[in-house]
PDB file of N, CA and C in Angstrom:
ATOM      1  N   MET A   1     108.762  24.857 -19.389  1.00  0.00           N
ATOM      2  CA  MET A   1     107.909  25.886 -19.302  1.00  0.00           C
ATOM      3  C   MET A   1     109.171  27.160 -20.576  1.00  0.00           C
ATOM      4  N   ARG A   2     108.594  27.839 -21.432  1.00  0.00           N
ATOM      5  CA  ARG A   2     109.589  28.799 -21.966  1.00  0.00           C
ATOM      6  C   ARG A   2     109.596  30.184 -21.063  1.00  0.00           C
ATOM      7  N   ASN A   3     110.743  30.540 -21.525  1.00  0.00           N
ATOM      8  CA  ASN A   3     110.823  31.927 -21.047  1.00  0.00           C
ATOM      9  C   ASN A   3     110.437  32.862 -22.040  1.00  0.00           C
ATOM     10  N   SER A   4     109.533  34.120 -21.712  1.00  0.00           N
ATOM     11  CA  SER A   4     109.457  34.874 -22.457  1.00  0.00           C
ATOM     12  C   SER A   4     110.382  35.494 -23.370  1.00  0.00           C
ATOM     13  N   ASN A   5     111.948  35.486 -23.272  1.00  0.00           N
ATOM     14  CA  ASN A   5     113.070  35.811 -23.995  1.00  0.00           C
ATOM     15  C   ASN A   5     113.114  34.948 -24.873  1.00  0.00           C
ATOM     16  N   ASP A   6     112.483  33.576 -24.998  1.00  0.00           N
ATOM     17  CA  ASP A   6     112.509  32.491 -25.722  1.00  0.00           C
ATOM     18  C   ASP A   6     111.592  32.600 -26.871  1.00  0.00           C
ATOM     19  N   VAL A   7     110.831  33.268 -27.044  1.00  0.00           N
ATOM     20  CA  VAL A   7     109.663  32.650 -27.914  1.00  0.00           C
ATOM     21  C   VAL A   7     110.242  33.813 -28.996  1.00  0.00           C
ATOM     22  N   LYS A   8     109.729  32.803 -30.118  1.00  0.00           N
ATOM     23  CA  LYS A   8     110.221  33.766 -31.629  1.00  0.00           C
ATOM     24  C   LYS A   8     108.759  33.752 -32.062  1.00  0.00           C
ATOM     25  N   LEU A   9     109.003  35.025 -32.511  1.00  0.00           N
ATOM     26  CA  LEU A   9     107.652  35.421 -33.182  1.00  0.00           C
ATOM     27  C   LEU A   9     107.201  34.868 -35.089  1.00  0.00           C
ATOM     28  N   GLN A  10     106.135  34.586 -35.182  1.00  0.00           N
ATOM     29  CA  GLN A  10     105.788  34.301 -36.215  1.00  0.00           C
ATOM     30  C   GLN A  10     105.182  35.147 -37.242  1.00  0.00           C
ATOM     31  N   PRO A  11     105.106  34.958 -38.485  1.00  0.00           N
ATOM     32  CA  PRO A  11     104.464  36.005 -39.140  1.00  0.00           C
ATOM     33  C   PRO A  11     102.712  36.019 -39.051  1.00  0.00           C
ATOM     34  N   LEU A  12     102.154  36.898 -38.667  1.00  0.00           N
ATOM     35  CA  LEU A  12     100.640  36.763 -38.378  1.00  0.00           C
ATOM     36  C   LEU A  12      99.647  36.801 -39.951  1.00  0.00           C
ATOM     37  N   PRO A  13      98.659  36.052 -39.862  1.00  0.00           N
ATOM     38  CA  PRO A  13      97.867  35.690 -41.013  1.00  0.00           C
ATOM     39  C   PRO A  13      97.845  37.516 -41.354  1.00  0.00           C
ATOM     40  N   SER A  14      97.695  37.406 -42.582  1.00  0.00           N
ATOM     41  CA  SER A  14      97.588  38.888 -43.583  1.00  0.00           C
ATOM     42  C   SER A  14      95.845  38.771 -43.165  1.00  0.00           C
ATOM     43  N   PRO A  15      95.384  40.350 -44.135  1.00  0.00           N
ATOM     44  CA  PRO A  15      94.065  40.564 -43.203  1.00  0.00           C
ATOM     45  C   PRO A  15      92.758  39.663 -44.120  1.00  0.00           C
ATOM     46  N   GLU A  16      93.525  39.501 -45.276  1.00  0.00           N
ATOM     47  CA  GLU A  16      92.570  38.520 -46.189  1.00  0.00           C
ATOM     48  C   GLU A  16      92.409  36.897 -45.911  1.00  0.00           C
ATOM     49  N   GLU A  17      93.415  36.703 -44.754  1.00  0.00           N
ATOM     50  CA  GLU A  17      93.176  35.424 -44.368  1.00  0.00           C
ATOM     51  C   GLU A  17      92.511  35.393 -42.929  1.00  0.00           C
ATOM     52  N   LEU A  18      92.171  36.733 -42.442  1.00  0.00           N
ATOM     53  CA  LEU A  18      91.130  36.472 -41.298  1.00  0.00           C
ATOM     54  C   LEU A  18      89.901  36.678 -41.455  1.00  0.00           C
ATOM     55  N   ALA A  19      89.492  36.301 -42.485  1.00  0.00           N
ATOM     56  CA  ALA A  19      87.895  36.066 -43.026  1.00  0.00           C
ATOM     57  C   ALA A  19      87.489  34.622 -42.799  1.00  0.00           C
ATOM     58  N   SER A  20      86.680  34.261 -41.927  1.00  0.00           N
ATOM     59  CA  SER A  20      86.438  32.687 -42.087  1.00  0.00           C
ATOM     60  C   SER A  20      85.047  32.753 -41.803  1.00  0.00           C
ATOM     61  N   ASN A  21      84.508  31.530 -41.617  1.00  0.00           N
ATOM     62  CA  ASN A  21      82.623  31.325 -41.244  1.00  0.00           C
ATOM     63  C   ASN A  21      83.120  29.922 -40.121  1.00  0.00           C
ATOM     64  N   ASP A  22      83.413  30.193 -39.038  1.00  0.00           N
ATOM     65  CA  ASP A  22      83.460  29.135 -37.912  1.00  0.00           C
ATOM     66  C   ASP A  22      82.263  29.290 -37.116  1.00  0.00           C
ATOM     67  N   GLU A  23      82.242  28.358 -36.441  1.00  0.00           N
ATOM     68  CA  GLU A  23      81.004  28.683 -34.887  1.00  0.00           C
ATOM     69  C   GLU A  23      81.240  29.916 -33.930  1.00  0.00           C
ATOM     70  N   THR A  24      80.916  30.507 -33.400  1.00  0.00           N
ATOM     71  CA  THR A  24      81.201  31.193 -32.706  1.00  0.00           C
ATOM     72  C   THR A  24      80.248  31.401 -31.578  1.00  0.00           C
ATOM     73  N   ILE A  25      80.680  31.959 -29.923  1.00  0.00           N
ATOM     74  CA  ILE A  25      79.857  32.366 -29.177  1.00  0.00           C
ATOM     75  C   ILE A  25      80.311  33.971 -28.727  1.00  0.00           C
ATOM     76  N   LYS A  26      79.301  34.489 -28.432  1.00  0.00           N
ATOM     77  CA  LYS A  26      79.338  35.792 -27.682  1.00  0.00           C
ATOM     78  C   LYS A  26      80.141  36.296 -26.395  1.00  0.00           C
ATOM     79  N   VAL A  27      81.374  36.814 -26.657  1.00  0.00           N
ATOM     80  CA  VAL A  27      81.568  37.566 -25.433  1.00  0.00           C
ATOM     81  C   VAL A  27      81.673  38.930 -25.541  1.00  0.00           C
ATOM     82  N   THR A  28      82.526  39.561 -24.283  1.00  0.00           N
ATOM     83  CA  THR A  28      82.227  41.181 -24.244  1.00  0.00           C
ATOM     84  C   THR A  28      84.088  41.298 -24.153  1.00  0.00           C
ATOM     85  N   ILE A  29      84.283  41.812 -24.478  1.00  0.00           N
ATOM     86  CA  ILE A  29      85.859  42.532 -24.397  1.00  0.00           C
ATOM     87  C   ILE A  29      86.182  43.919 -24.713  1.00  0.00           C
ATOM     88  N   SER A  30      87.131  44.470 -23.965  1.00  0.00           N
ATOM     89  CA  SER A  30      87.576  45.974 -24.207  1.00  0.00           C
ATOM     90  C   SER A  30      88.950  45.821 -25.005  1.00  0.00           C
ATOM     91  N   LEU A  31      88.852  46.620 -26.064  1.00  0.00           N
ATOM     92  CA  LEU A  31      90.507  46.886 -27.021  1.00  0.00           C
ATOM     93  C   LEU A  31      90.471  48.441 -26.907  1.00  0.00           C
ATOM     94  N   SER A  32      91.882  48.396 -27.595  1.00  0.00           N
ATOM     95  CA  SER A  32      92.062  49.459 -27.273  1.00  0.00           C
ATOM     96  C   SER A  32      91.360  50.429 -28.414  1.00  0.00           C
ATOM     97  N   ARG A  33      91.368  51.757 -28.649  1.00  0.00           N
ATOM     98  CA  ARG A  33      90.646  52.312 -29.654  1.00  0.00           C
ATOM     99  C   ARG A  33      91.410  52.257 -30.796  1.00  0.00           C
ATOM    100  N   LYS A  34      92.611  52.393 -30.895  1.00  0.00           N
ATOM    101  CA  LYS A  34      93.568  52.166 -32.146  1.00  0.00           C
ATOM    102  C   LYS A  34      93.158  50.668 -32.624  1.00  0.00           C
ATOM    103  N   THR A  35      93.498  49.462 -31.843  1.00  0.00           N
ATOM    104  CA  THR A  35      93.417  48.669 -32.472  1.00  0.00           C
ATOM    105  C   THR A  35      91.832  48.508 -33.202  1.00  0.00           C
ATOM    106  N   VAL A  36      90.967  48.612 -32.441  1.00  0.00           N
ATOM    107  CA  VAL A  36      89.386  48.864 -33.089  1.00  0.00           C
ATOM    108  C   VAL A  36      89.399  49.586 -34.573  1.00  0.00           C
ATOM    109  N   GLU A  37      89.977  50.476 -34.472  1.00  0.00           N
ATOM    110  CA  GLU A  37      89.920  51.679 -35.340  1.00  0.00           C
ATOM    111  C   GLU A  37      90.819  50.972 -36.914  1.00  0.00           C
ATOM    112  N   PHE A  38      92.133  50.197 -36.210  1.00  0.00           N
ATOM    113  CA  PHE A  38      92.843  49.679 -37.283  1.00  0.00           C
ATOM    114  C   PHE A  38      91.877  48.497 -38.022  1.00  0.00           C
ATOM    115  N   PHE A  39      91.178  47.329 -37.529  1.00  0.00           N
ATOM    116  CA  PHE A  39      90.672  46.845 -37.978  1.00  0.00           C
ATOM    117  C   PHE A  39      89.391  46.914 -38.186  1.00  0.00           C
ATOM    118  N   LYS A  40      89.021  48.160 -37.922  1.00  0.00           N
ATOM    119  CA  LYS A  40      87.896  48.407 -38.538  1.00  0.00           C
ATOM    120  C   LYS A  40      87.961  49.160 -40.379  1.00  0.00           C
ATOM    121  N   SER A  41      89.241  49.586 -40.490  1.00  0.00           N
ATOM    122  CA  SER A  41      89.917  50.115 -41.404  1.00  0.00           C
ATOM    123  C   SER A  41      90.014  48.623 -42.508  1.00  0.00           C
ATOM    124  N   ILE A  42      90.672  48.186 -41.986  1.00  0.00           N
ATOM    125  CA  ILE A  42      91.285  47.067 -42.571  1.00  0.00           C
ATOM    126  C   ILE A  42      90.030  46.244 -43.383  1.00  0.00           C
ATOM    127  N   ALA A  43      88.803  45.999 -42.198  1.00  0.00           N
ATOM    128  CA  ALA A  43      87.666  45.301 -42.646  1.00  0.00           C
ATOM    129  C   ALA A  43      86.799  45.781 -43.816  1.00  0.00           C
ATOM    130  N   ASN A  44      86.830  47.318 -43.518  1.00  0.00           N
ATOM    131  CA  ASN A  44      85.928  47.983 -44.413  1.00  0.00           C
ATOM    132  C   ASN A  44      86.990  47.699 -46.119  1.00  0.00           C
ATOM    133  N   ASN A  45      87.812  47.815 -46.084  1.00  0.00           N
ATOM    134  CA  ASN A  45      88.695  47.732 -47.236  1.00  0.00           C
ATOM    135  C   ASN A  45      88.255  46.231 -48.067  1.00  0.00           C
ATOM    136  N   HIS A  46      88.070  45.450 -46.973  1.00  0.00           N
ATOM    137  CA  HIS A  46      87.864  43.954 -47.346  1.00  0.00           C
ATOM    138  C   HIS A  46      86.255  43.552 -47.278  1.00  0.00           C
ATOM    139  N   LYS A  47      85.494  44.031 -47.204  1.00  0.00           N
ATOM    140  CA  LYS A  47      84.193  44.434 -47.044  1.00  0.00           C
ATOM    141  C   LYS A  47      83.661  42.816 -45.901  1.00  0.00           C
ATOM    142  N   THR A  48      84.441  42.889 -45.200  1.00  0.00           N
ATOM    143  CA  THR A  48      84.105  41.942 -44.137  1.00  0.00           C
ATOM    144  C   THR A  48      83.923  42.682 -42.386  1.00  0.00           C
ATOM    145  N   PRO A  49      82.864  42.171 -41.598  1.00  0.00           N
ATOM    146  CA  PRO A  49      83.291  42.515 -40.341  1.00  0.00           C
ATOM    147  C   PRO A  49      84.371  42.495 -39.629  1.00  0.00           C
ATOM    148  N   TYR A  50      84.768  43.911 -38.899  1.00  0.00           N
ATOM    149  CA  TYR A  50      86.077  43.754 -38.166  1.00  0.00           C
ATOM    150  C   TYR A  50      85.825  42.732 -37.011  1.00  0.00           C
ATOM    151  N   GLN A  51      84.870  42.332 -36.488  1.00  0.00           N
ATOM    152  CA  GLN A  51      85.060  41.299 -35.326  1.00  0.00           C
ATOM    153  C   GLN A  51      85.289  39.926 -35.845  1.00  0.00           C
ATOM    154  N   LYS A  52      84.860  39.990 -37.116  1.00  0.00           N
ATOM    155  CA  LYS A  52      85.292  38.520 -37.701  1.00  0.00           C
ATOM    156  C   LYS A  52      86.926  38.381 -37.770  1.00  0.00           C
ATOM    157  N   MET A  53      87.431  39.803 -38.117  1.00  0.00           N
ATOM    158  CA  MET A  53      88.865  39.703 -38.687  1.00  0.00           C
ATOM    159  C   MET A  53      89.410  39.268 -37.112  1.00  0.00           C
ATOM    160  N   ILE A  54      89.277  40.054 -36.328  1.00  0.00           N
ATOM    161  CA  ILE A  54      89.849  40.146 -34.785  1.00  0.00           C
ATOM    162  C   ILE A  54      89.736  38.615 -34.148  1.00  0.00           C
ATOM    163  N   ARG A  55      88.449  37.474 -34.603  1.00  0.00           N
ATOM    164  CA  ARG A  55      88.434  36.302 -34.093  1.00  0.00           C
ATOM    165  C   ARG A  55      89.307  35.585 -34.865  1.00  0.00           C
ATOM    166  N   ARG A  56      89.422  35.686 -36.243  1.00  0.00           N
ATOM    167  CA  ARG A  56      90.220  35.304 -36.646  1.00  0.00           C
ATOM    168  C   ARG A  56      91.794  35.182 -36.430  1.00  0.00           C
ATOM    169  N   LEU A  57      92.097  36.123 -36.025  1.00  0.00           N
ATOM    170  CA  LEU A  57      93.195  36.274 -35.874  1.00  0.00           C
ATOM    171  C   LEU A  57      93.644  35.519 -34.449  1.00  0.00           C
ATOM    172  N   LEU A  58      92.425  35.595 -33.510  1.00  0.00           N
ATOM    173  CA  LEU A  58      92.833  34.726 -32.187  1.00  0.00           C
ATOM    174  C   LEU A  58      92.956  33.397 -32.353  1.00  0.00           C
ATOM    175  N   ASP A  59      92.033  33.085 -33.265  1.00  0.00           N
ATOM    176  CA  ASP A  59      92.149  31.418 -33.352  1.00  0.00           C
ATOM    177  C   ASP A  59      93.235  31.172 -34.048  1.00  0.00           C
ATOM    178  N   GLU A  60      93.857  31.899 -34.851  1.00  0.00           N
ATOM    179  CA  GLU A  60      95.060  31.588 -35.442  1.00  0.00           C
ATOM    180  C   GLU A  60      96.159  31.455 -34.413  1.00  0.00           C
ATOM    181  N   TYR A  61      96.054  32.422 -33.523  1.00  0.00           N
ATOM    182  CA  TYR A  61      97.231  32.461 -32.263  1.00  0.00           C
ATOM    183  C   TYR A  61      96.872  31.277 -31.810  1.00  0.00           C
ATOM    184  N   VAL A  62      95.996  30.686 -31.233  1.00  0.00           N
ATOM    185  CA  VAL A  62      95.821  29.539 -30.621  1.00  0.00           C
ATOM    186  C   VAL A  62      95.968  28.568 -31.147  1.00  0.00           C
ATOM    187  N   ALA A  63      95.795  28.249 -32.395  1.00  0.00           N
ATOM    188  CA  ALA A  63      96.332  27.026 -33.537  1.00  0.00           C
ATOM    189  C   ALA A  63      97.999  27.114 -33.591  1.00  0.00           C
ATOM    190  N   ARG A  64      98.510  27.714 -33.269  1.00  0.00           N
ATOM    191  CA  ARG A  64     100.012  27.779 -33.376  1.00  0.00           C
ATOM    192  C   ARG A  64     100.396  27.882 -32.123  1.00  0.00           C
ATOM    193  N   HIS A  65      99.664  28.073 -30.830  1.00  0.00           N
ATOM    194  CA  HIS A  65     100.577  27.756 -29.531  1.00  0.00           C
ATOM    195  C   HIS A  65      99.426  26.839 -28.347  1.00  0.00           C
ATOM    196  N   GLN A  66      98.545  26.272 -29.564  1.00  0.00           N
ATOM    197  CA  GLN A  66      98.173  24.992 -28.297  1.00  0.00           C
ATOM    198  C   GLN A  66      98.994  23.868 -28.262  1.00  0.00           C
ATOM    199  N   ILE A  67      98.930  23.334 -26.891  1.00  0.00           N
ATOM    200  CA  ILE A  67      99.676  22.420 -26.552  1.00  0.00           C
ATOM    201  C   ILE A  67      99.309  21.355 -27.119  1.00  0.00           C
ATOM    202  N   LYS A  68     100.043  20.409 -27.621  1.00  0.00           N
ATOM    203  CA  LYS A  68      99.454  19.480 -28.521  1.00  0.00           C
ATOM    204  C   LYS A  68      99.715  18.221 -27.737  1.00  0.00           C
ATOM    205  N   GLY A  69      98.679  17.210 -27.401  1.00  0.00           N
ATOM    206  CA  GLY A  69      99.016  16.411 -26.140  1.00  0.00           C
ATOM    207  C   GLY A  69      97.672  15.217 -26.330  1.00  0.00           C
TER     208      GLY A  69
END
């Protein structure tokens, strides 16, 4: 098991990379106001829904950290 001090951060995907059309399911989540405002602003600039960008960011995180087995 890795110690949190051993984790090396990799660059996150750009806003342009966060738009995708994958199968989805609905969930309820509470996010900080600053996070939602950030994604709404960026999404507006790229004419895409902010929820899609958040979803893609989480998908990318899972892809990078999923245990291969």
